[in-house]
Amino acid sequence: MSGSRLRVAVLDYGAANMVSISQAFVSAGADAIVAAGPADLAGADALVVPGVGAAAPAMVHLREQGLLEPLRDWVGAGRPCLGICLGLQLLFDASDEGDGGDSPTLGLLAGRTVALQEAPTLPHIGWNSVEAVKAHPLFDGIADGSYFYFVHTFAPVPTDEGIVVARTTHGRPFVSAVASGSLYGLQFHPEKSADAGQRLLRNFLGLVAAGPGAGAAVAADEKGGGTTFAPPASEAI
């Protein structure tokens, strides 16, 4: 950790609103660094892979900016990393999204990204509840069923069900949060999720500050405590 505030490097590869995600981390208590190249990762305590859009161009941009291998090395070293929306999907082996229907992605987690099944609307946009599969410190103080903001058409299907932390229902249930060691992923946008999102980002920063091993899941019978966060102005979908 560098100084009294954690430094979070947010990867800027042309696939996210860097102002909103950076400001969300600043509000949560960290210093946010916009990382457009490998040199920008120096001194960072955690790495964030944000993103909206398609997997194939995102992978091209990461490669062109020299961020692909540093990102893989970062996660391989067990350093804290959070993938958000497209950033979550990129963590897996491949995606059905794209012209060929088979876009290789980072391969940091086993599984692939597929289209939402039996969804009443696509894309899935708006507030929806996140249901715990197991307890995890990422959701400390956030009651089971709290609402977060989604914007997506695809979601990952992990090979290892053991990494699934939460699911959400839009048609068939899909994976909305995963955790594997110090690697975390969210299908929703915490930076757009009001108080629930801020609490989750503070929890993530707490895990980063606590060091390796802090992300181990707690006992299943402890899930569900904390504040229930509802969508503003009854905007649930």
Protein backbone atom coordinates (compact mmCIF):
# COMPACT_ATOMS: atom_id res chain seq x y z
CA MET A 1 0.00 0.00 0.00
CA SER A 2 1.28 3.43 -0.89
CA GLY A 3 0.64 6.21 1.63
CA SER A 4 -2.55 6.55 3.67
CA ARG A 5 -4.91 6.10 0.73
CA LEU A 6 -5.00 3.12 -1.58
CA ARG A 7 -4.11 3.74 -5.21
CA VAL A 8 -6.47 2.06 -7.67
CA ALA A 9 -5.42 1.82 -11.32
CA VAL A 10 -8.45 1.90 -13.63
CA LEU A 11 -7.59 0.54 -17.07
CA ASP A 12 -8.43 3.02 -19.82
CA TYR A 13 -8.75 1.06 -23.06
CA GLY A 14 -11.57 3.03 -24.67
CA ALA A 15 -14.43 0.94 -23.26
CA ALA A 16 -15.71 2.80 -20.21
CA ASN A 17 -16.65 6.16 -18.71
CA MET A 18 -13.42 6.83 -16.88
CA VAL A 19 -14.77 9.90 -15.07
CA SER A 20 -17.64 8.06 -13.37
CA ILE A 21 -15.67 4.97 -12.34
CA SER A 22 -12.69 7.00 -11.14
CA GLN A 23 -14.89 9.38 -9.15
CA ALA A 24 -16.70 6.43 -7.56
CA PHE A 25 -13.40 5.11 -6.20
CA VAL A 26 -12.36 8.55 -4.98
CA SER A 27 -15.70 8.83 -3.15
CA ALA A 28 -15.08 5.38 -1.64
CA GLY A 29 -11.77 6.59 -0.21
CA ALA A 30 -9.08 5.73 -2.75
CA ASP A 31 -6.87 7.61 -5.18
CA ALA A 32 -7.84 6.65 -8.73
CA ILE A 33 -5.20 6.45 -11.46
CA VAL A 34 -6.32 6.31 -15.09
CA ALA A 35 -3.99 3.68 -16.57
CA ALA A 36 -3.61 3.94 -20.35
CA GLY A 37 -0.36 1.95 -20.46
CA PRO A 38 1.83 -0.40 -18.41
CA ALA A 39 3.84 2.41 -16.82
CA ASP A 40 0.65 3.76 -15.21
CA LEU A 41 0.35 0.61 -13.09
CA ALA A 42 3.44 1.51 -11.06
CA GLY A 43 2.60 2.17 -7.42
CA ALA A 44 -0.96 0.85 -7.71
CA ASP A 45 -2.44 -1.29 -4.94
CA ALA A 46 -5.33 -2.66 -7.00
CA LEU A 47 -6.36 -2.85 -10.62
CA VAL A 48 -9.87 -2.32 -12.05
CA VAL A 49 -11.01 -3.54 -15.48
CA PRO A 50 -14.16 -1.56 -16.31
CA GLY A 51 -15.96 -1.64 -19.60
CA VAL A 52 -19.04 -1.60 -21.77
CA GLY A 53 -19.28 -2.83 -25.34
CA ALA A 54 -18.01 -5.92 -27.13
CA ALA A 55 -15.29 -8.36 -26.11
CA ALA A 56 -13.32 -8.59 -29.37
CA PRO A 57 -12.54 -4.86 -29.79
CA ALA A 58 -11.82 -4.59 -26.08
CA MET A 59 -9.17 -7.31 -26.38
CA VAL A 60 -7.68 -5.54 -29.40
CA HIS A 61 -7.44 -2.26 -27.49
CA LEU A 62 -5.86 -3.93 -24.45
CA ARG A 63 -3.25 -5.52 -26.71
CA GLU A 64 -2.55 -2.32 -28.65
CA GLN A 65 -2.00 -0.38 -25.44
CA GLY A 66 0.36 -2.98 -24.05
CA LEU A 67 -1.94 -3.83 -21.16
CA LEU A 68 -2.80 -7.44 -21.98
CA GLU A 69 0.23 -9.22 -20.50
CA PRO A 70 0.68 -6.81 -17.56
CA LEU A 71 -2.94 -7.50 -16.63
CA ARG A 72 -2.42 -11.26 -16.83
CA ASP A 73 0.80 -10.97 -14.82
CA TRP A 74 -0.93 -8.83 -12.18
CA VAL A 75 -3.66 -11.40 -11.61
CA GLY A 76 -1.19 -14.29 -11.84
CA ALA A 77 0.78 -12.72 -8.99
CA GLY A 78 -2.32 -12.76 -6.81
CA ARG A 79 -2.70 -8.98 -6.69
CA PRO A 80 -6.21 -7.51 -6.24
CA CYS A 81 -8.22 -7.01 -9.42
CA LEU A 82 -11.88 -6.12 -10.00
CA GLY A 83 -13.67 -6.62 -13.33
CA ILE A 84 -16.86 -4.64 -13.93
CA CYS A 85 -19.49 -5.50 -16.57
CA LEU A 86 -17.49 -6.17 -19.77
CA GLY A 87 -14.44 -6.28 -17.51
CA LEU A 88 -15.96 -9.28 -15.71
CA GLN A 89 -16.69 -11.04 -19.00
CA LEU A 90 -13.13 -10.50 -20.24
CA LEU A 91 -11.77 -12.46 -17.27
CA PHE A 92 -13.05 -15.73 -18.76
CA ASP A 93 -11.73 -17.90 -21.61
CA ALA A 94 -13.94 -16.73 -24.48
CA SER A 95 -17.14 -14.91 -25.43
CA ASP A 96 -19.99 -15.73 -27.80
CA GLU A 97 -20.22 -12.02 -28.54
CA GLY A 98 -18.87 -10.91 -31.91
CA ASP A 99 -19.26 -11.66 -35.61
CA GLY A 100 -17.73 -15.13 -35.36
CA GLY A 101 -19.45 -16.00 -32.11
CA ASP A 102 -16.16 -17.05 -30.52
CA SER A 103 -13.91 -14.27 -29.24
CA PRO A 104 -10.94 -15.36 -27.09
CA THR A 105 -10.64 -13.32 -23.89
CA LEU A 106 -8.15 -13.18 -21.01
CA GLY A 107 -8.43 -16.77 -19.78
CA LEU A 108 -7.94 -15.85 -16.13
CA LEU A 109 -11.05 -17.79 -15.12
CA ALA A 110 -12.39 -20.95 -16.76
CA GLY A 111 -15.67 -20.51 -18.61
CA ARG A 112 -17.21 -18.43 -21.36
CA THR A 113 -19.57 -15.50 -21.82
CA VAL A 114 -22.95 -16.19 -23.43
CA ALA A 115 -26.11 -14.23 -24.23
CA LEU A 116 -28.74 -13.93 -21.53
CA GLN A 117 -31.27 -16.75 -21.86
CA GLU A 118 -35.05 -16.20 -22.14
CA ALA A 119 -34.58 -12.53 -21.27
CA PRO A 120 -37.82 -10.49 -21.50
CA THR A 121 -35.83 -7.54 -22.87
CA LEU A 122 -32.36 -7.08 -24.34
CA PRO A 123 -30.21 -5.41 -23.43
CA HIS A 124 -30.89 -5.82 -19.72
CA ILE A 125 -30.87 -2.19 -18.53
CA GLY A 126 -31.82 -0.86 -15.13
CA TRP A 127 -32.04 -1.83 -11.47
CA ASN A 128 -32.31 -5.48 -10.47
CA SER A 129 -31.79 -7.48 -7.29
CA VAL A 130 -28.61 -9.41 -6.60
CA GLU A 131 -29.19 -12.70 -4.80
CA ALA A 132 -26.38 -14.23 -2.73
CA VAL A 133 -25.18 -17.72 -3.58
CA LYS A 134 -22.76 -17.60 -0.66
CA ALA A 135 -21.48 -15.00 1.75
CA HIS A 136 -18.44 -12.98 0.77
CA PRO A 137 -16.73 -9.91 2.33
CA LEU A 138 -17.36 -8.00 -0.90
CA PHE A 139 -21.02 -7.81 0.15
CA ASP A 140 -20.50 -7.10 3.86
CA GLY A 141 -23.26 -4.83 5.16
CA ILE A 142 -25.35 -5.33 2.00
CA ALA A 143 -28.47 -7.40 2.53
CA ASP A 144 -29.30 -10.26 0.21
CA GLY A 145 -31.60 -9.08 -2.59
CA SER A 146 -30.30 -5.51 -2.68
CA TYR A 147 -30.57 -3.68 -6.00
CA PHE A 148 -27.74 -2.74 -8.36
CA TYR A 149 -27.67 -1.18 -11.84
CA PHE A 150 -27.14 -3.32 -14.94
CA VAL A 151 -26.44 -2.59 -18.62
CA HIS A 152 -25.61 -5.75 -20.60
CA THR A 153 -26.75 -8.47 -23.00
CA PHE A 154 -24.18 -11.15 -22.13
CA ALA A 155 -23.01 -12.75 -18.89
CA PRO A 156 -20.33 -15.32 -17.97
CA VAL A 157 -20.91 -19.01 -17.28
CA PRO A 158 -18.04 -20.15 -15.05
CA THR A 159 -16.78 -23.71 -15.27
CA ASP A 160 -16.22 -23.69 -11.52
CA GLU A 161 -19.49 -23.00 -9.68
CA GLY A 162 -17.42 -22.48 -6.56
CA ILE A 163 -16.41 -18.98 -7.66
CA VAL A 164 -20.02 -17.78 -8.01
CA VAL A 165 -20.94 -15.30 -5.27
CA ALA A 166 -24.29 -14.00 -6.57
CA ARG A 167 -26.90 -14.41 -9.28
CA THR A 168 -29.59 -12.16 -10.74
CA THR A 169 -32.75 -13.07 -12.62
CA HIS A 170 -33.67 -11.57 -15.99
CA GLY A 171 -35.25 -14.49 -17.80
CA ARG A 172 -33.03 -17.34 -16.62
CA PRO A 173 -30.81 -16.50 -13.64
CA PHE A 174 -27.28 -15.40 -14.58
CA VAL A 175 -24.05 -14.93 -12.66
CA SER A 176 -23.76 -11.37 -11.36
CA ALA A 177 -20.73 -11.64 -9.04
CA VAL A 178 -17.70 -13.93 -8.79
CA ALA A 179 -14.64 -14.17 -6.58
CA SER A 180 -11.52 -16.29 -6.86
CA GLY A 181 -8.75 -15.39 -4.42
CA SER A 182 -7.95 -11.73 -5.01
CA LEU A 183 -9.77 -11.66 -8.35
CA TYR A 184 -13.33 -10.29 -8.25
CA GLY A 185 -15.94 -9.63 -10.92
CA LEU A 186 -19.30 -7.85 -11.07
CA GLN A 187 -21.80 -7.90 -13.93
CA PHE A 188 -23.50 -4.77 -12.58
CA HIS A 189 -22.07 -1.25 -12.36
CA PRO A 190 -21.25 -0.29 -8.76
CA GLU A 191 -20.40 3.24 -9.90
CA LYS A 192 -24.04 3.63 -11.05
CA SER A 193 -25.59 1.82 -8.09
CA ALA A 194 -25.93 4.65 -5.57
CA ASP A 195 -25.38 3.71 -1.89
CA ALA A 196 -25.19 -0.05 -2.55
CA GLY A 197 -22.43 0.47 -5.10
CA GLN A 198 -20.48 2.76 -2.79
CA ARG A 199 -20.69 0.23 0.03
CA LEU A 200 -19.44 -2.53 -2.26
CA LEU A 201 -16.50 -0.42 -3.49
CA ARG A 202 -15.56 0.37 0.11
CA ASN A 203 -15.68 -3.35 0.85
CA PHE A 204 -13.38 -4.01 -2.11
CA LEU A 205 -10.92 -1.41 -0.83
CA GLY A 206 -11.08 -3.06 2.59
CA LEU A 207 -10.13 -6.39 1.04
CA VAL A 208 -7.23 -4.73 -0.79
CA ALA A 209 -6.00 -3.13 2.43
CA ALA A 210 -6.30 -6.42 4.34
CA GLY A 211 -3.94 -8.18 1.94
CA PRO A 212 -3.80 -11.67 0.39
CA GLY A 213 -6.37 -14.14 1.62
CA ALA A 214 -8.84 -11.49 2.76
CA GLY A 215 -11.26 -12.47 0.00
CA ALA A 216 -11.90 -15.98 1.29
CA ALA A 217 -15.62 -16.65 1.56
CA VAL A 218 -17.11 -16.61 5.03
CA ALA A 219 -19.51 -19.22 6.35
CA ALA A 220 -22.67 -19.62 4.29
CA ASP A 221 -24.93 -19.18 7.31
CA GLU A 222 -23.66 -15.60 7.71
CA LYS A 223 -25.04 -14.31 4.42
CA GLY A 224 -27.94 -11.92 4.18
CA GLY A 225 -27.14 -9.41 6.94
CA GLY A 226 -26.81 -5.67 6.50
CA THR A 227 -28.77 -2.90 4.84
CA THR A 228 -31.22 -3.64 2.04
CA PHE A 229 -30.52 -1.25 -0.82
CA ALA A 230 -33.56 -0.60 -3.01
CA PRO A 231 -33.57 1.15 -6.42
CA PRO A 232 -34.22 4.90 -6.41
CA ALA A 233 -37.75 6.01 -7.27
CA SER A 234 -39.06 2.46 -7.72
CA GLU A 235 -36.98 1.88 -10.84
CA ALA A 236 -36.65 -1.88 -10.37
CA ILE A 237 -37.00 -4.03 -13.46
